[in-house]
Amino acid sequence: MEYKFSDRVSTLKPSAIREIFKYAADPSYISLSAGNPAPEAFPAKEIAEISAKLLAENPILALQYSVTEGYPLLREELTKYLKENHNIGRDFDNIIITSGAQQIADLLTKAVVNEGDVVITEAPSFIGCLNTFRAYNAKLVGVPMESDGMNIEKLEEALKNNPNAKFIYTIPNFQNPSGITMSLEKRHAVYDLAKKYGVLILEDNPYGDLRYIGEALPSIKSFDEDGIVMYAGSFSKVISPGMRVAYVMGPQPVIQKMVVCKQGADVHTNIWSQVVCYEFMKNYDFNAHLENLRQIYTKKRQVLLDAMEKNLAPYITWDDFNGGLFAWCHLPEGVDMLDFVQKAVERKVCVVPGTAFLTDENDPCDAFRINFSTPTDEQLVKGIEILGQLIRDILGK
């Protein structure tokens, strides 16, 4: 039969990252494409201990239905943690637990965006959320990135030209894919513009705890006195992505609508995973665990930088990044990026084409994204060597 799909999904395309995973799953390929934590970063022993104790002493808690808002003790612990460590949370705020941070984008879009409304995003930006916005027939308006975050003049221009904009989506810390960190000045400027034009901010911060150089900057949410910032955090990069536990803090009226939307989506987030995250935060040394992650990734970052300096420079350049899991690399003028990525696959190295992160995939793009957390050090060095040889072969060097 002929299958007819809804207008919401008829134009959606498979994630370029997920398509590349088809190759990356083959052990004969070197995957520099995923955003997975390093295997040595998982607290597997602690998770096993917590799970065994939970199933032995209180199995019904893990096996029974629970409340949509999330495991109450985890919500309380996160509320306390965010306030004490990041000055996040006011009397008008509330928090819910979601099935991964991407569900936050889905629930917020469902709650506040009508078909044809505008979502303003950084350009480039995270493909998962871009596709979520597209699925609700939102119009995406990209704001170019500079070395310290969004171009503020272009952001105000976008807000002026789109009075039906509902929120600004931003990843201020070690942005995916660019690795850029928004300056404190621009954080205040984004907040002020959102307040001026009456739009929300969705502040996505999955990588904030993975800073390897310099001092942490305050979140946009930390100076939210007007109830306009939705703060998205996640355990995916610091405990386990497979457990699918994230959280969003924002003004109570918006949170309430998101709860209703979540009830119709998945009832509640996996309760076993929520209890594990709570117990890990409460009864284990969470800050020591984060410091161990930073040590692991600081070393892997340096392995990547050394390999790129040796093999990619001066033909391929990259943006500075002081945290996170990605490097955003630029090809020399005249080299076709998609052709380069395809040729890399033919040499059994997988990277992500930069077009995957654009609000309009037809726009020109000279960049591709490398992940350094997932491969072993040996795979990382070998993969960069292959990319270096590829660019020299293309240029005839």
Protein backbone atom coordinates (compact mmCIF):
# COMPACT_ATOMS: atom_id res chain seq x y z
CA MET A 1 0.00 0.00 0.00
CA GLU A 2 0.98 3.65 -0.26
CA TYR A 3 1.92 5.03 3.13
CA LYS A 4 0.98 8.62 3.87
CA PHE A 5 2.84 10.36 6.64
CA SER A 6 1.90 13.41 8.65
CA ASP A 7 3.10 16.83 7.58
CA ARG A 8 5.14 16.91 10.79
CA VAL A 9 7.41 14.04 9.78
CA SER A 10 7.15 13.80 6.00
CA THR A 11 10.16 16.07 5.45
CA LEU A 12 12.29 14.76 8.33
CA LYS A 13 15.48 12.95 7.41
CA PRO A 14 17.39 10.34 9.40
CA SER A 15 20.03 11.78 11.71
CA ALA A 16 23.34 11.97 9.88
CA ILE A 17 25.04 10.88 13.09
CA ARG A 18 22.81 7.81 13.41
CA GLU A 19 23.43 6.94 9.75
CA ILE A 20 27.17 7.11 10.30
CA PHE A 21 26.75 4.85 13.34
CA LYS A 22 25.91 2.08 10.88
CA TYR A 23 29.54 2.17 9.80
CA ALA A 24 30.87 3.07 13.23
CA ALA A 25 29.34 -0.09 14.72
CA ASP A 26 31.70 -2.12 12.51
CA PRO A 27 34.86 -2.75 14.58
CA SER A 28 36.99 -2.43 11.45
CA TYR A 29 36.06 1.29 11.35
CA ILE A 30 37.47 4.02 13.60
CA SER A 31 34.54 6.03 14.93
CA LEU A 32 35.30 9.68 15.61
CA SER A 33 31.60 10.42 15.17
CA ALA A 34 29.79 9.36 18.34
CA GLY A 35 29.29 11.48 21.43
CA ASN A 36 29.49 8.57 23.83
CA PRO A 37 31.35 8.74 27.14
CA ALA A 38 34.62 6.85 27.35
CA PRO A 39 34.17 3.24 28.52
CA GLU A 40 36.43 3.91 31.52
CA ALA A 41 34.20 6.83 32.59
CA PHE A 42 31.23 4.69 33.66
CA PRO A 43 30.81 4.07 37.41
CA ALA A 44 29.75 0.49 36.66
CA LYS A 45 30.78 -0.94 40.05
CA GLU A 46 28.79 1.68 41.95
CA ILE A 47 25.74 1.27 39.71
CA ALA A 48 25.86 -2.48 40.29
CA GLU A 49 26.07 -2.00 44.07
CA ILE A 50 23.17 0.45 44.13
CA SER A 51 21.03 -1.75 41.89
CA ALA A 52 21.68 -4.92 43.88
CA LYS A 53 20.78 -3.20 47.14
CA LEU A 54 17.67 -1.63 45.63
CA LEU A 55 16.37 -4.91 44.20
CA ALA A 56 17.17 -6.78 47.41
CA GLU A 57 15.71 -4.27 49.88
CA ASN A 58 13.05 -2.29 48.00
CA PRO A 59 12.29 -3.96 44.65
CA ILE A 60 8.77 -2.58 44.33
CA LEU A 61 10.15 0.97 44.25
CA ALA A 62 12.10 0.09 41.11
CA LEU A 63 9.39 -2.07 39.50
CA GLN A 64 6.18 -0.15 40.15
CA TYR A 65 4.69 2.90 38.41
CA SER A 66 5.81 6.24 39.78
CA VAL A 67 4.86 9.91 39.50
CA THR A 68 5.34 11.79 36.25
CA GLU A 69 7.34 14.61 37.84
CA GLY A 70 10.06 12.17 38.86
CA TYR A 71 11.39 10.35 41.90
CA PRO A 72 10.78 12.84 44.74
CA LEU A 73 14.12 12.27 46.49
CA LEU A 74 16.04 12.83 43.25
CA ARG A 75 14.10 16.03 42.57
CA GLU A 76 14.88 17.26 46.09
CA GLU A 77 18.57 16.37 45.77
CA LEU A 78 18.89 18.07 42.38
CA THR A 79 17.10 21.18 43.62
CA LYS A 80 19.55 21.40 46.51
CA TYR A 81 22.56 20.63 44.31
CA LEU A 82 21.69 23.23 41.68
CA LYS A 83 21.10 25.93 44.28
CA GLU A 84 24.23 25.26 46.32
CA ASN A 85 26.62 24.66 43.42
CA HIS A 86 25.26 26.88 40.65
CA ASN A 87 22.85 29.39 42.25
CA ILE A 88 20.06 27.96 40.08
CA GLY A 89 16.45 27.99 41.25
CA ARG A 90 14.03 30.59 42.57
CA ASP A 91 10.72 30.39 44.42
CA PHE A 92 8.83 30.40 41.12
CA ASP A 93 10.82 27.44 39.73
CA ASN A 94 10.10 23.72 39.77
CA ILE A 95 11.91 20.65 38.44
CA ILE A 96 10.94 17.47 36.62
CA ILE A 97 12.91 14.39 35.59
CA THR A 98 12.83 13.47 31.89
CA SER A 99 13.88 10.57 29.68
CA GLY A 100 17.06 12.20 28.46
CA ALA A 101 17.65 15.87 27.74
CA GLN A 102 16.23 15.64 24.24
CA GLN A 103 12.82 14.95 25.77
CA ILE A 104 13.07 18.36 27.42
CA ALA A 105 13.26 19.97 23.99
CA ASP A 106 10.34 17.83 22.85
CA LEU A 107 8.11 18.63 25.83
CA LEU A 108 8.87 22.35 25.79
CA THR A 109 8.21 22.59 22.05
CA LYS A 110 4.97 20.66 22.42
CA ALA A 111 3.91 22.92 25.29
CA VAL A 112 4.61 26.36 23.82
CA VAL A 113 5.12 26.16 20.02
CA ASN A 114 2.31 26.24 17.47
CA GLU A 115 2.84 25.15 13.88
CA GLY A 116 4.74 27.91 12.09
CA ASP A 117 6.06 29.53 15.26
CA VAL A 118 9.77 30.32 15.38
CA VAL A 119 12.49 28.71 17.45
CA ILE A 120 15.74 30.67 17.41
CA THR A 121 18.85 28.52 17.63
CA GLU A 122 22.57 28.86 17.46
CA ALA A 123 23.97 28.06 14.02
CA PRO A 124 25.32 25.40 14.00
CA SER A 125 23.51 23.50 16.76
CA PHE A 126 22.72 20.03 18.09
CA ILE A 127 20.99 17.96 15.41
CA GLY A 128 18.81 16.04 17.86
CA CYS A 129 17.06 19.17 19.10
CA LEU A 130 16.88 20.71 15.63
CA ASN A 131 14.98 17.65 14.42
CA THR A 132 12.72 17.81 17.47
CA PHE A 133 11.80 21.41 16.64
CA ARG A 134 11.25 20.46 13.00
CA ALA A 135 8.92 17.64 14.03
CA TYR A 136 6.47 20.21 15.39
CA ASN A 137 6.65 22.26 12.18
CA ALA A 138 8.49 25.06 13.92
CA LYS A 139 10.38 27.49 11.74
CA LEU A 140 14.08 27.46 12.65
CA VAL A 141 15.99 30.72 12.58
CA GLY A 142 19.72 30.28 13.04
CA VAL A 143 21.99 32.88 14.62
CA PRO A 144 25.66 32.68 13.55
CA MET A 145 28.21 31.70 16.16
CA GLU A 146 31.26 33.77 17.00
CA SER A 147 34.25 32.73 19.07
CA ASP A 148 32.43 33.72 22.28
CA GLY A 149 28.87 32.66 21.42
CA MET A 150 25.98 33.88 19.32
CA ASN A 151 26.28 37.10 17.34
CA ILE A 152 24.17 39.35 19.58
CA GLU A 153 23.28 41.84 16.83
CA LYS A 154 22.01 38.98 14.66
CA LEU A 155 20.09 37.58 17.61
CA GLU A 156 18.25 40.85 18.16
CA GLU A 157 17.60 41.10 14.43
CA ALA A 158 16.07 37.61 14.52
CA LEU A 159 13.88 38.56 17.47
CA LYS A 160 12.73 41.77 15.79
CA ASN A 161 11.91 40.00 12.53
CA ASN A 162 10.08 37.10 14.15
CA PRO A 163 7.49 38.29 16.66
CA ASN A 164 6.15 34.73 16.85
CA ALA A 165 9.45 33.42 18.24
CA LYS A 166 8.74 31.27 21.30
CA PHE A 167 12.17 30.51 22.67
CA ILE A 168 15.92 30.74 22.11
CA TYR A 169 17.80 27.43 22.20
CA THR A 170 21.39 27.69 23.38
CA ILE A 171 24.20 25.40 24.60
CA PRO A 172 26.42 27.94 26.39
CA ASN A 173 29.15 25.55 27.57
CA PHE A 174 31.33 23.72 25.00
CA GLN A 175 28.59 23.92 22.43
CA ASN A 176 27.76 20.90 20.32
CA PRO A 177 29.16 20.84 17.68
CA SER A 178 31.43 23.90 17.78
CA GLY A 179 32.92 23.53 21.27
CA ILE A 180 32.42 27.28 21.79
CA THR A 181 31.72 28.66 25.27
CA MET A 182 29.50 31.72 25.51
CA SER A 183 31.12 34.65 27.32
CA LEU A 184 29.61 36.07 30.50
CA GLU A 185 28.85 39.31 28.69
CA LYS A 186 26.89 37.47 26.01
CA ARG A 187 25.04 35.36 28.59
CA HIS A 188 23.70 38.56 30.10
CA ALA A 189 22.96 39.96 26.65
CA VAL A 190 20.98 36.87 25.60
CA TYR A 191 18.99 37.05 28.83
CA ASP A 192 18.28 40.75 28.41
CA LEU A 193 17.10 40.28 24.83
CA ALA A 194 14.84 37.38 25.79
CA LYS A 195 13.30 39.53 28.51
CA LYS A 196 12.94 42.51 26.15
CA TYR A 197 11.16 40.51 23.45
CA GLY A 198 9.15 38.26 25.73
CA VAL A 199 10.57 34.87 24.77
CA LEU A 200 11.83 31.93 26.80
CA ILE A 201 15.39 30.59 26.82
CA LEU A 202 16.11 26.88 26.72
CA GLU A 203 19.58 26.61 28.24
CA ASP A 204 20.97 23.15 27.48
CA ASN A 205 23.97 22.24 29.63
CA PRO A 206 24.98 18.59 29.15
CA TYR A 207 28.73 19.34 29.14
CA GLY A 208 29.06 22.00 31.84
CA ASP A 209 30.79 19.69 34.34
CA LEU A 210 33.37 18.66 31.72
CA ARG A 211 35.59 21.75 31.77
CA TYR A 212 39.31 21.07 31.40
CA ILE A 213 40.77 24.60 31.25
CA GLY A 214 39.79 27.85 32.97
CA GLU A 215 37.08 28.81 35.42
CA ALA A 216 33.42 27.91 35.10
CA LEU A 217 31.04 30.69 34.08
CA PRO A 218 27.65 31.20 35.74
CA SER A 219 24.70 29.77 33.88
CA ILE A 220 22.12 32.03 32.27
CA LYS A 221 19.58 30.49 34.63
CA SER A 222 21.59 31.69 37.63
CA PHE A 223 20.50 35.28 36.98
CA ASP A 224 16.91 34.48 36.03
CA GLU A 225 14.72 36.71 38.19
CA ASP A 226 11.89 36.90 35.65
CA GLY A 227 10.96 33.25 35.07
CA ILE A 228 12.13 33.10 31.45
CA VAL A 229 14.87 30.43 31.50
CA MET A 230 14.36 26.68 31.24
CA TYR A 231 17.55 24.96 32.44
CA ALA A 232 18.24 21.48 31.06
CA GLY A 233 20.74 19.20 32.77
CA SER A 234 21.57 15.55 32.20
CA PHE A 235 23.29 12.53 33.71
CA SER A 236 24.08 11.15 30.25
CA LYS A 237 27.64 12.47 30.05
CA VAL A 238 28.47 12.13 33.75
CA ILE A 239 26.88 8.80 34.79
CA SER A 240 25.30 6.94 31.86
CA PRO A 241 23.53 7.88 28.62
CA GLY A 242 21.80 4.50 28.48
CA MET A 243 19.94 5.18 31.71
CA ARG A 244 18.17 8.15 30.04
CA VAL A 245 17.89 10.47 33.03
CA ALA A 246 17.83 14.24 32.63
CA TYR A 247 16.10 17.14 34.37
CA VAL A 248 14.68 20.55 33.63
CA MET A 249 14.20 23.45 36.03
CA GLY A 250 11.98 26.34 35.03
CA PRO A 251 8.99 28.46 35.98
CA GLN A 252 6.18 26.44 37.50
CA PRO A 253 3.46 27.22 34.88
CA VAL A 254 5.66 25.95 32.04
CA ILE A 255 6.79 22.91 34.03
CA GLN A 256 3.15 22.02 34.75
CA LYS A 257 2.30 21.97 31.05
CA MET A 258 5.39 19.89 30.31
CA VAL A 259 4.27 17.38 32.95
CA VAL A 260 0.91 17.02 31.21
CA CYS A 261 2.70 16.48 27.89
CA LYS A 262 5.00 13.89 29.48
CA GLN A 263 2.01 11.98 30.86
CA GLY A 264 0.90 11.46 27.28
CA ALA A 265 4.39 10.50 26.10
CA ASP A 266 5.89 7.97 28.54
CA VAL A 267 4.04 8.40 31.89
CA HIS A 268 7.33 8.77 33.76
CA THR A 269 11.07 8.31 33.36
CA ASN A 270 12.56 4.90 34.24
CA ILE A 271 12.33 4.80 38.02
CA TRP A 272 15.23 2.37 38.54
CA SER A 273 17.53 4.78 36.71
CA GLN A 274 16.26 7.70 38.78
CA VAL A 275 16.91 5.89 42.07
CA VAL A 276 20.42 4.95 40.92
CA CYS A 277 21.19 8.60 40.08
CA TYR A 278 19.82 9.74 43.44
CA GLU A 279 21.81 7.19 45.43
CA PHE A 280 24.97 7.98 43.47
CA MET A 281 24.59 11.72 44.16
CA LYS A 282 23.58 11.27 47.79
CA ASN A 283 25.73 8.43 49.10
CA TYR A 284 28.79 8.40 46.84
CA ASP A 285 31.34 11.14 46.20
CA PHE A 286 29.73 12.73 43.15
CA ASN A 287 32.21 15.61 42.97
CA ALA A 288 35.17 13.20 43.10
CA HIS A 289 33.56 11.24 40.26
CA LEU A 290 33.25 14.43 38.19
CA GLU A 291 36.90 15.24 38.85
CA ASN A 292 37.88 11.76 37.66
CA LEU A 293 35.93 12.35 34.44
CA ARG A 294 37.74 15.63 33.90
CA GLN A 295 41.08 13.89 34.32
CA ILE A 296 40.13 11.19 31.81
CA TYR A 297 38.96 13.67 29.20
CA THR A 298 41.76 16.18 29.78
CA LYS A 299 44.19 13.44 28.78
CA LYS A 300 42.14 12.35 25.76
CA ARG A 301 41.73 15.98 24.65
CA GLN A 302 45.51 16.38 24.68
CA VAL A 303 45.98 13.17 22.68
CA LEU A 304 43.61 14.61 20.07
CA LEU A 305 45.29 18.04 19.98
CA ASP A 306 48.76 16.53 19.64
CA ALA A 307 47.57 14.28 16.81
CA MET A 308 45.83 17.14 14.99
CA GLU A 309 48.87 19.41 15.29
CA LYS A 310 51.05 16.65 13.86
CA ASN A 311 48.74 15.40 11.10
CA LEU A 312 46.06 17.98 10.19
CA ALA A 313 47.83 21.32 10.50
CA PRO A 314 48.13 23.55 8.59
CA TYR A 315 45.54 22.29 6.09
CA ILE A 316 42.71 21.50 8.49
CA THR A 317 42.08 23.97 11.33
CA TRP A 318 39.87 23.70 14.41
CA ASP A 319 38.12 25.98 16.87
CA ASP A 320 39.39 26.27 20.45
CA PHE A 321 37.55 24.15 22.99
CA ASN A 322 38.18 24.06 26.75
CA GLY A 323 35.71 21.33 27.64
CA GLY A 324 33.08 18.98 26.27
CA LEU A 325 33.67 16.04 23.96
CA PHE A 326 34.06 17.51 20.47
CA ALA A 327 36.37 19.32 18.08
CA TRP A 328 34.92 21.40 15.21
CA CYS A 329 37.29 21.18 12.26
CA HIS A 330 37.43 23.34 9.11
CA LEU A 331 38.62 22.22 5.69
CA PRO A 332 40.66 24.48 3.41
CA GLU A 333 38.92 26.52 0.75
CA GLY A 334 37.98 24.52 -2.32
CA VAL A 335 37.68 21.14 -0.56
CA ASP A 336 34.17 19.70 -0.64
CA MET A 337 33.24 18.76 2.93
CA LEU A 338 30.72 16.02 2.09
CA ASP A 339 33.15 14.46 -0.36
CA PHE A 340 35.88 14.55 2.31
CA VAL A 341 33.61 12.83 4.85
CA GLN A 342 32.66 10.14 2.31
CA LYS A 343 36.29 9.53 1.41
CA ALA A 344 37.08 9.24 5.13
CA VAL A 345 34.40 6.54 5.45
CA GLU A 346 35.97 4.72 2.50
CA ARG A 347 39.22 4.75 4.50
CA LYS A 348 37.25 3.45 7.49
CA VAL A 349 37.22 6.61 9.60
CA CYS A 350 33.86 8.12 10.58
CA VAL A 351 33.35 11.82 11.31
CA VAL A 352 30.11 13.82 11.24
CA PRO A 353 29.48 16.25 8.36
CA GLY A 354 28.90 19.80 9.52
CA THR A 355 25.72 20.14 7.46
CA ALA A 356 24.00 17.85 9.97
CA PHE A 357 24.07 20.70 12.50
CA LEU A 358 22.71 23.49 10.30
CA THR A 359 19.21 24.94 10.49
CA ASP A 360 19.26 24.71 6.68
CA GLU A 361 21.30 21.74 5.48
CA ASN A 362 21.62 23.36 2.06
CA ASP A 363 23.75 26.19 3.42
CA PRO A 364 27.47 26.01 2.61
CA CYS A 365 29.62 24.37 5.27
CA ASP A 366 33.34 23.64 5.44
CA ALA A 367 33.31 21.90 8.82
CA PHE A 368 33.06 18.42 10.30
CA ARG A 369 32.88 17.24 13.91
CA ILE A 370 35.30 14.92 15.69
CA ASN A 371 34.53 13.17 18.98
CA PHE A 372 37.49 12.26 21.19
CA SER A 373 35.79 10.61 24.18
CA THR A 374 34.67 7.33 22.60
CA PRO A 375 37.72 5.96 20.71
CA THR A 376 40.76 4.55 22.46
CA ASP A 377 43.89 6.70 22.40
CA GLU A 378 45.34 4.40 19.75
CA GLN A 379 42.23 4.65 17.58
CA LEU A 380 42.22 8.43 18.02
CA VAL A 381 45.82 8.78 16.85
CA LYS A 382 45.35 6.37 13.95
CA GLY A 383 42.09 8.02 12.84
CA ILE A 384 43.66 11.49 12.79
CA GLU A 385 46.66 10.13 10.86
CA ILE A 386 44.28 8.76 8.22
CA LEU A 387 42.41 12.08 7.99
CA GLY A 388 45.73 13.90 7.66
CA GLN A 389 46.83 11.66 4.82
CA LEU A 390 43.42 12.08 3.16
CA ILE A 391 43.59 15.87 3.12
CA ARG A 392 47.15 15.75 1.74
CA ASP A 393 46.06 13.34 -0.99
CA ILE A 394 43.14 15.62 -1.92
CA LEU A 395 45.42 18.68 -2.02
CA GLY A 396 48.23 16.84 -3.78
CA LYS A 397 50.71 17.53 -1.00
